[in-house]
Amino acid sequence: MAVNPLNPSPVSLAPLPAGPLSARDVMRDAPVIPVIVLHDPAQAVPLARALVAGGIRMLEVTLRTPQALACIEAIAREVPEAVAGAGTVRSAADARAAAAAGARFMVSPGYTQAVGRAARDLGLALLPGVATGSEIMAAQDDGFAELKFFPALQAGGAAMLKAWQGPFGEVRFCPTGGVHAGNAAELLALQNVACVGGSWLTPADALASGDWARISRLAAEASALARG
């Protein structure tokens, strides 16, 4: 159990499955996967602890900065109750580097067979990014049915997800891109949405000032969101 510093009651975190995680394990753990951009490895551990204290432990650290892998490594080593993941995985080399740093899941902005093969070879859960029906079908052909819808709002948002429910009823999505506290509930209410991804849990100003209590509060609010 993690303790939210703003609430003395412990936040209950269900035990994770033994062994490698599946994409469904990652998506169903909490309503929100934080999309994290870190420039300073010194922020990684206190940030991870603050998110876990609010009930969010699946942490997508994007490979958008030179420091990202060091941040993943620090979280994996020092915050065992968190689950470090890598975002913006665009190649097999990215996947191998993320795995070596200790990532337990990966998220990609799109999908290629090379990334899919690398994820399977490494035994890591992958949420491939899709924005069209053809991309969904390509990912399904390779065995992926839990997908990141990206960029969600720009590519049609809730209306597009509702349209996909008919032909792709077995697929579960994590809409990411333009998702925030004000529209997350609408997306989470959809039958084919397992979780959402967003950066609002880790505001840049809170990171800069080390306002971990604020981040814990945002995580607690996110972990309490209802799902359809």
Protein backbone atom coordinates (compact mmCIF):
# COMPACT_ATOMS: atom_id res chain seq x y z
CA MET A 1 0.00 0.00 0.00
CA ALA A 2 1.10 3.55 -0.73
CA VAL A 3 0.32 6.48 1.51
CA ASN A 4 -0.94 9.70 -0.02
CA PRO A 5 0.80 12.55 1.83
CA LEU A 6 -2.40 14.58 1.60
CA ASN A 7 -4.49 11.80 3.10
CA PRO A 8 -3.26 9.55 5.92
CA SER A 9 -5.40 6.66 4.65
CA PRO A 10 -3.32 4.25 2.57
CA VAL A 11 -4.02 4.01 -1.16
CA SER A 12 -4.77 0.37 -1.92
CA LEU A 13 -2.87 -1.03 -4.90
CA ALA A 14 -3.88 -4.49 -6.04
CA PRO A 15 -1.09 -7.07 -6.39
CA LEU A 16 0.34 -7.26 -9.89
CA PRO A 17 0.43 -10.57 -11.76
CA ALA A 18 3.59 -12.58 -11.37
CA GLY A 19 5.93 -12.50 -14.33
CA PRO A 20 5.75 -10.25 -17.39
CA LEU A 21 2.87 -7.80 -17.63
CA SER A 22 0.37 -7.89 -20.46
CA ALA A 23 -0.88 -4.76 -22.19
CA ARG A 24 -4.25 -5.38 -20.55
CA ASP A 25 -2.56 -5.47 -17.12
CA VAL A 26 -1.04 -2.07 -17.84
CA MET A 27 -4.23 -0.51 -19.17
CA ARG A 28 -6.53 -1.78 -16.44
CA ASP A 29 -4.32 -0.87 -13.50
CA ALA A 30 -5.60 2.71 -13.22
CA PRO A 31 -7.81 5.04 -15.26
CA VAL A 32 -4.85 7.21 -16.32
CA ILE A 33 -1.33 6.48 -17.52
CA PRO A 34 0.75 9.62 -16.97
CA VAL A 35 2.76 10.74 -19.98
CA ILE A 36 5.98 11.97 -18.40
CA VAL A 37 8.71 14.14 -19.95
CA LEU A 38 11.78 14.40 -17.72
CA HIS A 39 14.94 16.43 -18.29
CA ASP A 40 16.52 15.83 -14.87
CA PRO A 41 17.13 12.32 -13.50
CA ALA A 42 17.07 13.76 -9.97
CA GLN A 43 13.34 14.35 -10.40
CA ALA A 44 12.53 10.79 -11.42
CA VAL A 45 12.42 9.08 -8.02
CA PRO A 46 10.46 11.71 -6.06
CA LEU A 47 8.06 12.05 -8.99
CA ALA A 48 7.47 8.30 -9.12
CA ARG A 49 6.90 8.16 -5.37
CA ALA A 50 4.44 11.07 -5.56
CA LEU A 51 2.43 9.38 -8.33
CA VAL A 52 2.35 6.05 -6.50
CA ALA A 53 1.22 7.86 -3.34
CA GLY A 54 -1.80 9.02 -5.32
CA GLY A 55 -2.56 5.53 -6.64
CA ILE A 56 -0.88 5.70 -10.06
CA ARG A 57 2.00 3.26 -10.64
CA MET A 58 2.10 2.63 -14.42
CA LEU A 59 4.49 5.40 -15.42
CA GLU A 60 5.19 6.17 -19.08
CA VAL A 61 8.48 8.05 -19.29
CA THR A 62 8.76 9.26 -22.87
CA LEU A 63 11.99 8.84 -24.80
CA ARG A 64 11.89 12.49 -25.85
CA THR A 65 14.89 13.66 -23.86
CA PRO A 66 18.48 12.43 -23.55
CA GLN A 67 17.86 11.82 -19.84
CA ALA A 68 14.81 9.56 -20.28
CA LEU A 69 16.61 6.22 -20.03
CA ALA A 70 18.46 7.29 -16.90
CA CYS A 71 15.12 8.31 -15.38
CA ILE A 72 13.56 4.94 -16.21
CA GLU A 73 16.56 3.19 -14.68
CA ALA A 74 16.32 5.25 -11.48
CA ILE A 75 12.60 4.54 -11.07
CA ALA A 76 13.04 0.82 -11.74
CA ARG A 77 15.90 0.61 -9.24
CA GLU A 78 14.63 2.83 -6.42
CA VAL A 79 10.83 2.74 -6.55
CA PRO A 80 9.85 -0.95 -6.65
CA GLU A 81 6.17 -0.19 -6.10
CA ALA A 82 6.13 1.77 -9.39
CA VAL A 83 6.11 0.18 -12.84
CA ALA A 84 8.47 2.04 -15.14
CA GLY A 85 7.50 2.13 -18.79
CA ALA A 86 8.92 3.78 -21.89
CA GLY A 87 6.93 5.99 -24.21
CA THR A 88 7.73 7.30 -27.70
CA VAL A 89 9.27 3.95 -28.64
CA ARG A 90 9.79 4.21 -32.40
CA SER A 91 12.28 1.45 -33.23
CA ALA A 92 13.62 -1.89 -32.13
CA ALA A 93 16.70 -0.07 -30.83
CA ASP A 94 14.47 2.12 -28.66
CA ALA A 95 12.77 -1.01 -27.34
CA ARG A 96 16.04 -2.72 -26.46
CA ALA A 97 17.37 0.40 -24.73
CA ALA A 98 14.16 0.76 -22.72
CA ALA A 99 14.29 -2.89 -21.64
CA ALA A 100 17.93 -2.56 -20.62
CA ALA A 101 17.00 0.47 -18.48
CA GLY A 102 14.35 -1.55 -16.65
CA ALA A 103 11.14 -0.65 -18.48
CA ARG A 104 8.36 -3.21 -18.05
CA PHE A 105 6.06 -1.89 -20.75
CA MET A 106 6.31 0.28 -23.84
CA VAL A 107 4.09 2.75 -25.65
CA SER A 108 4.62 3.82 -29.25
CA PRO A 109 3.20 6.77 -31.19
CA GLY A 110 2.57 4.47 -34.16
CA TYR A 111 3.05 0.83 -35.11
CA THR A 112 5.62 -1.08 -37.14
CA GLN A 113 6.23 -4.79 -37.28
CA ALA A 114 9.81 -4.19 -36.14
CA VAL A 115 8.61 -2.59 -32.91
CA GLY A 116 6.05 -5.35 -32.44
CA ARG A 117 8.66 -8.08 -32.91
CA ALA A 118 11.05 -6.35 -30.53
CA ALA A 119 8.37 -6.15 -27.83
CA ARG A 120 7.61 -9.87 -28.17
CA ASP A 121 11.30 -10.82 -28.23
CA LEU A 122 11.92 -8.76 -25.08
CA GLY A 123 8.81 -10.02 -23.31
CA LEU A 124 7.47 -6.50 -22.78
CA ALA A 125 3.89 -5.33 -23.06
CA LEU A 126 3.37 -2.89 -25.94
CA LEU A 127 0.61 -0.36 -26.54
CA PRO A 128 1.01 0.48 -30.23
CA GLY A 129 -0.26 3.82 -31.47
CA VAL A 130 -3.05 3.89 -34.08
CA ALA A 131 -5.17 6.60 -35.67
CA THR A 132 -6.96 4.78 -38.51
CA GLY A 133 -8.87 1.57 -39.14
CA SER A 134 -6.06 0.26 -41.35
CA GLU A 135 -3.55 0.76 -38.54
CA ILE A 136 -5.82 -1.09 -36.10
CA MET A 137 -6.07 -4.00 -38.51
CA ALA A 138 -2.29 -4.10 -39.02
CA ALA A 139 -1.71 -4.20 -35.26
CA GLN A 140 -4.38 -6.87 -34.83
CA ASP A 141 -2.78 -8.98 -37.56
CA ASP A 142 0.34 -9.07 -35.36
CA GLY A 143 -1.58 -9.98 -32.22
CA PHE A 144 -2.13 -6.59 -30.60
CA ALA A 145 -5.65 -5.77 -29.39
CA GLU A 146 -4.85 -3.18 -26.70
CA LEU A 147 -3.91 -0.02 -28.51
CA LYS A 148 -3.03 3.62 -27.95
CA PHE A 149 -5.32 5.97 -29.91
CA PHE A 150 -3.02 8.84 -30.84
CA PRO A 151 -3.35 11.75 -31.29
CA ALA A 152 -6.79 11.13 -29.84
CA LEU A 153 -8.49 14.50 -29.90
CA GLN A 154 -6.93 15.56 -33.17
CA ALA A 155 -7.92 12.25 -34.82
CA GLY A 156 -11.61 12.33 -33.87
CA GLY A 157 -11.79 11.86 -30.11
CA ALA A 158 -14.86 10.25 -28.59
CA ALA A 159 -16.76 10.28 -31.88
CA MET A 160 -14.08 8.21 -33.58
CA LEU A 161 -13.93 5.75 -30.70
CA LYS A 162 -17.70 5.29 -30.86
CA ALA A 163 -17.45 4.65 -34.61
CA TRP A 164 -14.76 2.02 -34.05
CA GLN A 165 -16.87 0.15 -31.49
CA GLY A 166 -18.80 -1.60 -34.27
CA PRO A 167 -16.04 -3.00 -36.51
CA PHE A 168 -13.44 -3.29 -33.73
CA GLY A 169 -15.55 -4.23 -30.72
CA GLU A 170 -12.88 -6.52 -29.27
CA VAL A 171 -10.19 -3.81 -29.21
CA ARG A 172 -9.51 -1.69 -26.13
CA PHE A 173 -7.98 1.74 -26.45
CA CYS A 174 -5.92 4.19 -24.43
CA PRO A 175 -6.71 7.60 -25.97
CA THR A 176 -3.73 9.94 -25.66
CA GLY A 177 -3.11 13.37 -27.13
CA GLY A 178 -5.20 16.35 -26.09
CA VAL A 179 -6.60 14.44 -23.11
CA HIS A 180 -6.87 16.41 -19.86
CA ALA A 181 -8.75 16.47 -16.58
CA GLY A 182 -11.71 18.19 -18.23
CA ASN A 183 -12.38 15.57 -20.93
CA ALA A 184 -10.95 12.36 -19.46
CA ALA A 185 -14.27 11.29 -17.91
CA GLU A 186 -16.09 11.47 -21.26
CA LEU A 187 -13.52 9.17 -22.85
CA LEU A 188 -13.35 6.77 -19.91
CA ALA A 189 -17.13 6.32 -20.07
CA LEU A 190 -16.82 4.63 -23.48
CA GLN A 191 -17.07 0.85 -23.57
CA ASN A 192 -13.92 0.41 -25.66
CA VAL A 193 -11.70 2.69 -23.56
CA ALA A 194 -9.67 0.94 -20.85
CA CYS A 195 -7.71 4.01 -19.72
CA VAL A 196 -6.45 7.35 -21.00
CA GLY A 197 -2.97 8.83 -21.24
CA GLY A 198 -2.15 12.40 -20.35
CA SER A 199 0.49 14.80 -19.13
CA TRP A 200 -1.70 16.80 -16.76
CA LEU A 201 -0.63 14.70 -13.76
CA THR A 202 2.94 16.00 -14.04
CA PRO A 203 2.75 19.75 -14.80
CA ALA A 204 6.06 21.31 -15.78
CA ASP A 205 5.80 23.97 -13.08
CA ALA A 206 5.18 21.36 -10.38
CA LEU A 207 8.22 19.40 -11.56
CA ALA A 208 10.36 22.52 -11.62
CA SER A 209 9.39 23.51 -8.08
CA GLY A 210 9.38 19.98 -6.66
CA ASP A 211 5.72 20.27 -5.69
CA TRP A 212 5.29 16.54 -5.13
CA ALA A 213 2.21 17.06 -2.94
CA ARG A 214 0.41 18.66 -5.88
CA ILE A 215 1.37 15.76 -8.13
CA SER A 216 0.11 13.26 -5.54
CA ARG A 217 -3.17 15.16 -5.38
CA LEU A 218 -3.55 15.11 -9.17
CA ALA A 219 -2.76 11.39 -9.21
CA ALA A 220 -5.34 10.69 -6.49
CA GLU A 221 -7.98 12.59 -8.47
CA ALA A 222 -7.07 10.66 -11.61
CA SER A 223 -7.10 7.28 -9.88
CA ALA A 224 -10.64 7.99 -8.66
CA LEU A 225 -12.06 8.56 -12.16
CA ALA A 226 -14.82 6.15 -13.14
CA ARG A 227 -14.58 3.84 -16.15
CA GLY A 228 -17.33 2.53 -18.35
